[in-house]
């Protein structure tokens, strides 16, 4: 069984990281239950990500404003990547400067909350796939969301000031998505990683290449932070970073061996032994990870077939529930 990687109590709500940095945590950290952050210095502030729907984002903002005087009006927002559970609430801070990598902004244009709302309405008539969709996303309200894109983009690296505090935005994608960004607060010894880290849950690799993601983990370790706030899961430290790095290396090597042996991606996803990660949630994501690795191994640059992959994840999820 994989060891517990959280170093703080994993409780819903606002967590004080010290020095003017905060995390907003949403257990259990599974599908859609993402984390966010707040960086302050004096009256200045920077929000790291919004949440999957307006109600959740509004609750977070209300809690921040009640507890942190500097958060009365959000001045700037960084979206770490384009997945809706990290940016669907942007409209609630639409007067802020919204910053993201160029690749994130481009990808965000194709993330449509209306499509998720339609899928949720249709899910009850979709059999097993609909059941799995509701398991993942049924708790969220996608109606009425106005997609609110970044107003400022960057490539590679951007240093910004929050009061007298320096904050580094470090693009490490493509990895989980095309435009993944780390947010490093050197003075507070904190890194907000977005979905470069899923702690105590299986990562999901939509973009790759896997080498970039492993390098992103190494980049976090090189920053030597005391606290690491993942995109999903409890607050961690270097131990959690190394665990995700090692998982990615393991999946890469196991998938490569099966690719070389002539197994299909589906056969490989079913065959790879995940016993060392049996305490991590959402194991069905192995289907996406192996499919992405197989495309990388073969030089296939086509986009992932998302409906097909959700179909396979549904099968794996149903099988694990019956086991």
Protein backbone atom coordinates (compact mmCIF):
# COMPACT_ATOMS: atom_id res chain seq x y z
CA UNK A 1 0.00 0.00 0.00
CA UNK A 2 1.28 3.48 -0.89
CA UNK A 3 2.24 5.60 2.13
CA UNK A 4 0.25 8.64 3.17
CA UNK A 5 1.79 11.73 1.59
CA UNK A 6 -0.08 14.58 3.23
CA UNK A 7 1.80 16.46 5.94
CA UNK A 8 -1.14 18.56 7.20
CA UNK A 9 -4.68 17.60 8.19
CA UNK A 10 -6.68 17.27 4.97
CA UNK A 11 -9.71 19.36 5.83
CA UNK A 12 -12.05 21.28 3.60
CA UNK A 13 -11.56 25.03 3.57
CA UNK A 14 -8.84 27.60 4.08
CA UNK A 15 -5.41 26.50 5.33
CA UNK A 16 -2.89 29.07 6.57
CA UNK A 17 0.53 28.28 5.09
CA UNK A 18 2.27 31.11 6.94
CA UNK A 19 3.81 34.34 5.72
CA UNK A 20 0.65 35.45 3.93
CA UNK A 21 0.07 32.38 1.73
CA UNK A 22 -3.06 30.24 1.96
CA UNK A 23 -4.48 27.12 0.39
CA UNK A 24 -8.11 26.25 -0.27
CA UNK A 25 -8.56 22.48 -0.02
CA UNK A 26 -11.40 20.27 -1.26
CA UNK A 27 -11.27 16.67 -0.04
CA UNK A 28 -11.38 14.01 -1.28
CA UNK A 29 -9.32 15.47 -4.13
CA UNK A 30 -10.89 13.19 -6.74
CA UNK A 31 -12.46 14.18 -10.06
CA UNK A 32 -13.20 17.91 -9.97
CA UNK A 33 -12.35 18.45 -6.31
CA UNK A 34 -9.42 20.77 -6.88
CA UNK A 35 -7.33 23.03 -4.67
CA UNK A 36 -6.65 26.75 -5.04
CA UNK A 37 -4.40 29.29 -3.35
CA UNK A 38 -4.06 32.86 -2.16
CA UNK A 39 -0.82 34.86 -1.89
CA UNK A 40 -0.83 38.16 0.01
CA UNK A 41 1.55 40.84 1.15
CA UNK A 42 0.16 43.91 2.86
CA UNK A 43 -2.96 44.86 0.91
CA UNK A 44 -1.79 43.14 -2.29
CA UNK A 45 -3.04 39.73 -3.35
CA UNK A 46 -2.86 37.03 -6.03
CA UNK A 47 -5.39 34.20 -6.36
CA UNK A 48 -4.14 30.87 -7.71
CA UNK A 49 -6.96 29.18 -9.66
CA UNK A 50 -10.72 29.20 -9.29
CA UNK A 51 -12.94 26.14 -8.91
CA UNK A 52 -15.25 23.94 -11.00
CA UNK A 53 -18.45 25.92 -10.58
CA UNK A 54 -19.69 29.29 -9.41
CA UNK A 55 -21.12 28.15 -6.08
CA UNK A 56 -17.86 26.51 -5.01
CA UNK A 57 -15.79 29.49 -6.16
CA UNK A 58 -18.13 31.94 -4.43
CA UNK A 59 -17.91 30.00 -1.18
CA UNK A 60 -14.11 30.03 -1.41
CA UNK A 61 -13.94 33.76 -2.11
CA UNK A 62 -16.34 34.53 0.76
CA UNK A 63 -14.17 32.51 3.15
CA UNK A 64 -11.01 34.23 1.97
CA UNK A 65 -12.56 37.68 2.36
CA UNK A 66 -13.80 36.84 5.84
CA UNK A 67 -10.42 35.55 7.03
CA UNK A 68 -7.84 37.53 5.06
CA UNK A 69 -8.23 41.35 4.97
CA UNK A 70 -6.07 41.60 1.84
CA UNK A 71 -8.55 39.43 -0.10
CA UNK A 72 -11.46 41.90 -0.03
CA UNK A 73 -10.94 42.55 -3.74
CA UNK A 74 -8.97 40.08 -5.83
CA UNK A 75 -6.44 42.02 -7.92
CA UNK A 76 -4.88 39.24 -9.95
CA UNK A 77 -5.55 35.61 -10.72
CA UNK A 78 -3.24 32.94 -12.14
CA UNK A 79 -4.77 29.92 -13.85
CA UNK A 80 -2.29 27.05 -13.58
CA UNK A 81 -3.88 25.23 -16.53
CA UNK A 82 -7.01 25.02 -18.66
CA UNK A 83 -9.09 22.29 -17.00
CA UNK A 84 -12.44 23.64 -15.87
CA UNK A 85 -11.96 22.69 -12.23
CA UNK A 86 -9.19 25.32 -12.12
CA UNK A 87 -10.81 28.12 -14.12
CA UNK A 88 -14.62 27.80 -14.39
CA UNK A 89 -15.06 30.31 -11.58
CA UNK A 90 -13.00 33.03 -13.25
CA UNK A 91 -16.02 35.22 -13.94
CA UNK A 92 -16.41 35.88 -10.21
CA UNK A 93 -13.12 37.81 -10.32
CA UNK A 94 -13.54 39.11 -13.87
CA UNK A 95 -12.31 42.58 -12.90
CA UNK A 96 -8.94 41.13 -11.90
CA UNK A 97 -5.97 40.71 -14.20
CA UNK A 98 -6.10 37.03 -15.20
CA UNK A 99 -2.71 35.53 -16.05
CA UNK A 100 -1.89 32.21 -17.71
CA UNK A 101 0.62 30.70 -20.08
CA UNK A 102 -0.12 31.24 -23.76
CA UNK A 103 -0.71 27.51 -24.23
CA UNK A 104 -3.14 27.47 -21.30
CA UNK A 105 -5.12 30.36 -22.78
CA UNK A 106 -5.29 28.65 -26.16
CA UNK A 107 -6.43 25.39 -24.61
CA UNK A 108 -8.98 27.10 -22.37
CA UNK A 109 -10.82 28.33 -25.46
CA UNK A 110 -11.75 24.68 -26.16
CA UNK A 111 -12.91 23.90 -22.60
CA UNK A 112 -16.66 24.53 -22.77
CA UNK A 113 -18.72 24.40 -19.55
CA UNK A 114 -21.89 24.26 -21.67
CA UNK A 115 -20.78 20.88 -23.00
CA UNK A 116 -20.37 19.56 -19.45
CA UNK A 117 -23.83 20.88 -18.55
CA UNK A 118 -25.35 19.11 -21.55
CA UNK A 119 -23.57 15.85 -20.69
CA UNK A 120 -24.86 16.02 -17.13
CA UNK A 121 -28.45 16.43 -18.35
CA UNK A 122 -28.07 13.45 -20.68
CA UNK A 123 -26.12 11.19 -18.32
CA UNK A 124 -29.08 9.24 -16.95
CA UNK A 125 -29.81 7.96 -20.45
CA UNK A 126 -26.20 6.96 -21.20
CA UNK A 127 -25.92 3.68 -19.30
CA UNK A 128 -22.63 2.83 -17.61
CA UNK A 129 -20.86 5.81 -19.19
CA UNK A 130 -23.45 8.18 -17.78
CA UNK A 131 -23.15 6.54 -14.37
CA UNK A 132 -19.39 7.08 -14.43
CA UNK A 133 -19.82 10.68 -15.64
CA UNK A 134 -22.11 11.42 -12.70
CA UNK A 135 -19.70 9.69 -10.33
CA UNK A 136 -16.99 12.08 -11.54
CA UNK A 137 -18.94 15.28 -12.15
CA UNK A 138 -22.47 14.94 -10.77
CA UNK A 139 -21.75 17.13 -7.74
CA UNK A 140 -20.95 20.21 -9.85
CA UNK A 141 -23.27 22.78 -11.45
CA UNK A 142 -22.10 23.72 -14.94
CA UNK A 143 -25.15 25.79 -15.86
CA UNK A 144 -24.78 29.55 -16.21
CA UNK A 145 -20.99 29.66 -16.31
CA UNK A 146 -19.56 32.41 -18.52
CA UNK A 147 -16.11 31.35 -19.61
CA UNK A 148 -13.69 34.11 -18.66
CA UNK A 149 -10.28 33.78 -20.33
CA UNK A 150 -6.89 35.20 -19.33
CA UNK A 151 -6.19 38.86 -20.02
CA UNK A 152 -2.41 38.46 -19.87
CA UNK A 153 -0.28 35.61 -21.15
CA UNK A 154 3.37 34.62 -20.92
CA UNK A 155 5.72 31.94 -22.19
CA UNK A 156 8.33 30.15 -20.15
CA UNK A 157 8.69 32.30 -17.04
CA UNK A 158 7.14 35.41 -15.55
CA UNK A 159 8.14 37.09 -12.30
CA UNK A 160 5.48 39.26 -10.69
CA UNK A 161 5.31 41.18 -7.43
CA UNK A 162 2.64 40.79 -4.78
CA UNK A 163 3.38 43.77 -2.59
CA UNK A 164 7.07 43.37 -1.77
CA UNK A 165 6.90 39.62 -2.35
CA UNK A 166 8.28 38.05 -5.53
CA UNK A 167 6.21 35.31 -7.17
CA UNK A 168 7.58 33.18 -10.02
CA UNK A 169 5.28 31.69 -12.64
CA UNK A 170 7.09 28.78 -14.28
CA UNK A 171 5.63 27.09 -17.33
CA UNK A 172 6.41 23.35 -17.23
CA UNK A 173 3.85 22.07 -19.74
CA UNK A 174 3.01 20.37 -21.90
CA UNK A 175 2.62 17.62 -19.31
CA UNK A 176 -0.78 17.14 -17.66
CA UNK A 177 -2.11 19.69 -20.17
CA UNK A 178 -0.41 21.84 -22.79
CA UNK A 179 0.16 24.89 -20.61
CA UNK A 180 0.86 23.78 -17.03
CA UNK A 181 2.32 26.43 -14.72
CA UNK A 182 3.92 26.28 -11.26
CA UNK A 183 3.48 29.22 -8.87
CA UNK A 184 6.51 29.61 -6.59
CA UNK A 185 6.57 31.96 -3.59
CA UNK A 186 10.23 31.94 -2.47
CA UNK A 187 9.72 34.12 0.61
CA UNK A 188 7.03 31.76 1.96
CA UNK A 189 8.80 28.59 0.73
CA UNK A 190 5.59 27.47 -0.99
CA UNK A 191 4.86 26.06 -4.45
CA UNK A 192 1.34 25.79 -5.90
CA UNK A 193 1.64 23.10 -8.55
CA UNK A 194 -1.73 22.90 -10.27
CA UNK A 195 -2.27 19.40 -11.64
CA UNK A 196 1.41 18.61 -11.98
CA UNK A 197 0.72 16.97 -8.61
CA UNK A 198 -2.17 14.73 -7.62
CA UNK A 199 -1.40 13.63 -4.07
CA UNK A 200 -2.83 10.27 -2.97
CA UNK A 201 -4.68 10.07 -6.28
CA UNK A 202 -3.63 8.78 -9.69
CA UNK A 203 -2.41 11.58 -12.00
CA UNK A 204 -4.02 11.84 -15.42
CA UNK A 205 -1.81 12.67 -18.40
CA UNK A 206 -3.87 14.25 -21.18
CA UNK A 207 -0.94 15.84 -23.01
CA UNK A 208 2.53 14.56 -22.14
CA UNK A 209 5.29 13.94 -22.96
CA UNK A 210 5.94 12.08 -19.77
CA UNK A 211 9.53 13.37 -19.67
CA UNK A 212 8.26 16.91 -19.29
CA UNK A 213 6.10 15.90 -16.35
CA UNK A 214 8.96 14.08 -14.63
CA UNK A 215 11.16 17.13 -15.25
CA UNK A 216 8.44 19.33 -13.72
CA UNK A 217 8.60 17.24 -10.56
CA UNK A 218 12.37 17.62 -10.53
CA UNK A 219 11.92 21.38 -10.96
CA UNK A 220 9.71 21.50 -7.87
CA UNK A 221 12.26 19.53 -5.88
CA UNK A 222 15.03 21.90 -7.00
CA UNK A 223 13.04 24.84 -5.59
CA UNK A 224 13.25 23.11 -2.17
CA UNK A 225 9.92 24.35 -0.82
CA UNK A 226 8.78 23.56 2.71
CA UNK A 227 5.14 23.26 1.60
CA UNK A 228 3.70 22.07 -1.68
CA UNK A 229 0.04 22.64 -2.57
CA UNK A 230 -1.04 20.15 -5.24
CA UNK A 231 -3.85 20.59 -7.71
CA UNK A 232 -5.68 17.77 -5.94
CA UNK A 233 -5.09 16.15 -2.57
CA UNK A 234 -3.53 17.16 0.74
CA UNK A 235 -0.69 19.61 1.30
CA UNK A 236 2.61 17.78 0.94
CA UNK A 237 6.38 18.24 0.77
CA UNK A 238 9.23 16.72 -1.23
CA UNK A 239 8.04 13.22 -0.32
CA UNK A 240 4.82 13.73 -2.24
CA UNK A 241 6.64 15.21 -5.22
CA UNK A 242 8.98 12.23 -5.40
CA UNK A 243 6.03 9.83 -5.16
CA UNK A 244 4.35 11.36 -8.21
CA UNK A 245 7.66 11.43 -10.11
CA UNK A 246 8.26 7.77 -9.31
CA UNK A 247 4.71 6.80 -10.31
CA UNK A 248 5.19 8.46 -13.69
CA UNK A 249 8.51 6.70 -14.21
CA UNK A 250 6.96 3.37 -13.26
CA UNK A 251 3.99 3.77 -15.60
CA UNK A 252 6.30 4.90 -18.42
CA UNK A 253 8.55 1.86 -18.04
CA UNK A 254 5.70 -0.62 -17.66
CA UNK A 255 3.84 0.80 -20.65
CA UNK A 256 6.99 0.77 -22.76
CA UNK A 257 7.62 -2.89 -22.05
CA UNK A 258 4.09 -3.77 -23.14
CA UNK A 259 4.28 -1.51 -26.19
CA UNK A 260 7.48 -3.28 -27.27
CA UNK A 261 5.81 -6.66 -26.65
CA UNK A 262 2.96 -5.77 -29.02
CA UNK A 263 0.13 -5.33 -26.51
CA UNK A 264 -2.53 -2.77 -27.31
CA UNK A 265 -2.92 0.27 -25.07
CA UNK A 266 -6.11 -1.22 -23.64
CA UNK A 267 -4.39 -4.52 -22.92
CA UNK A 268 -1.49 -2.70 -21.28
CA UNK A 269 -3.76 -0.57 -19.12
CA UNK A 270 -5.44 -3.72 -17.81
CA UNK A 271 -2.13 -5.56 -17.34
CA UNK A 272 -0.03 -3.02 -15.42
CA UNK A 273 0.13 -3.88 -11.72
CA UNK A 274 -1.01 -0.99 -9.53
CA UNK A 275 -0.84 -2.77 -6.18
CA UNK A 276 1.79 -0.34 -4.89
CA UNK A 277 -0.74 2.46 -5.44
CA UNK A 278 -3.84 0.69 -4.17
CA UNK A 279 -4.58 3.46 -1.67
CA UNK A 280 -4.56 6.15 -4.35
CA UNK A 281 -7.90 7.19 -5.79
CA UNK A 282 -9.16 7.11 -9.39
CA UNK A 283 -7.07 4.17 -10.61
CA UNK A 284 -9.11 4.06 -13.83
CA UNK A 285 -6.99 6.96 -15.09
CA UNK A 286 -4.36 4.39 -16.07
CA UNK A 287 -6.36 4.12 -19.31
CA UNK A 288 -5.58 7.72 -20.26
CA UNK A 289 -1.99 7.55 -19.09
CA UNK A 290 -1.18 4.46 -21.14
CA UNK A 291 -2.98 5.79 -24.21
CA UNK A 292 -0.96 9.02 -24.02
CA UNK A 293 2.28 7.08 -23.56
CA UNK A 294 1.48 4.83 -26.52
CA UNK A 295 0.92 7.87 -28.74
CA UNK A 296 4.25 9.23 -27.55
CA UNK A 297 6.07 5.95 -28.18
CA UNK A 298 4.68 5.71 -31.72
CA UNK A 299 5.15 9.39 -32.62
CA UNK A 300 1.38 9.83 -32.99
CA UNK A 301 0.59 13.54 -32.52
CA UNK A 302 -3.19 13.24 -32.84
CA UNK A 303 -5.35 14.46 -29.98
CA UNK A 304 -6.63 11.89 -27.48
CA UNK A 305 -10.00 10.30 -28.25
CA UNK A 306 -11.70 11.54 -25.09
CA UNK A 307 -15.04 9.71 -25.50
CA UNK A 308 -13.25 6.43 -26.17
CA UNK A 309 -10.98 6.91 -23.17
CA UNK A 310 -13.90 7.73 -20.88
CA UNK A 311 -15.51 4.53 -22.14
CA UNK A 312 -12.47 2.49 -21.12
CA UNK A 313 -12.20 4.28 -17.78
CA UNK A 314 -15.86 3.45 -17.20
CA UNK A 315 -15.14 -0.24 -17.77
CA UNK A 316 -12.15 -0.22 -15.41
CA UNK A 317 -14.12 1.68 -12.76
CA UNK A 318 -17.02 -0.78 -12.95
CA UNK A 319 -14.66 -3.75 -12.75
CA UNK A 320 -12.90 -2.37 -9.68
CA UNK A 321 -16.24 -1.74 -7.97
CA UNK A 322 -17.23 -5.38 -8.54
CA UNK A 323 -13.87 -6.75 -7.37
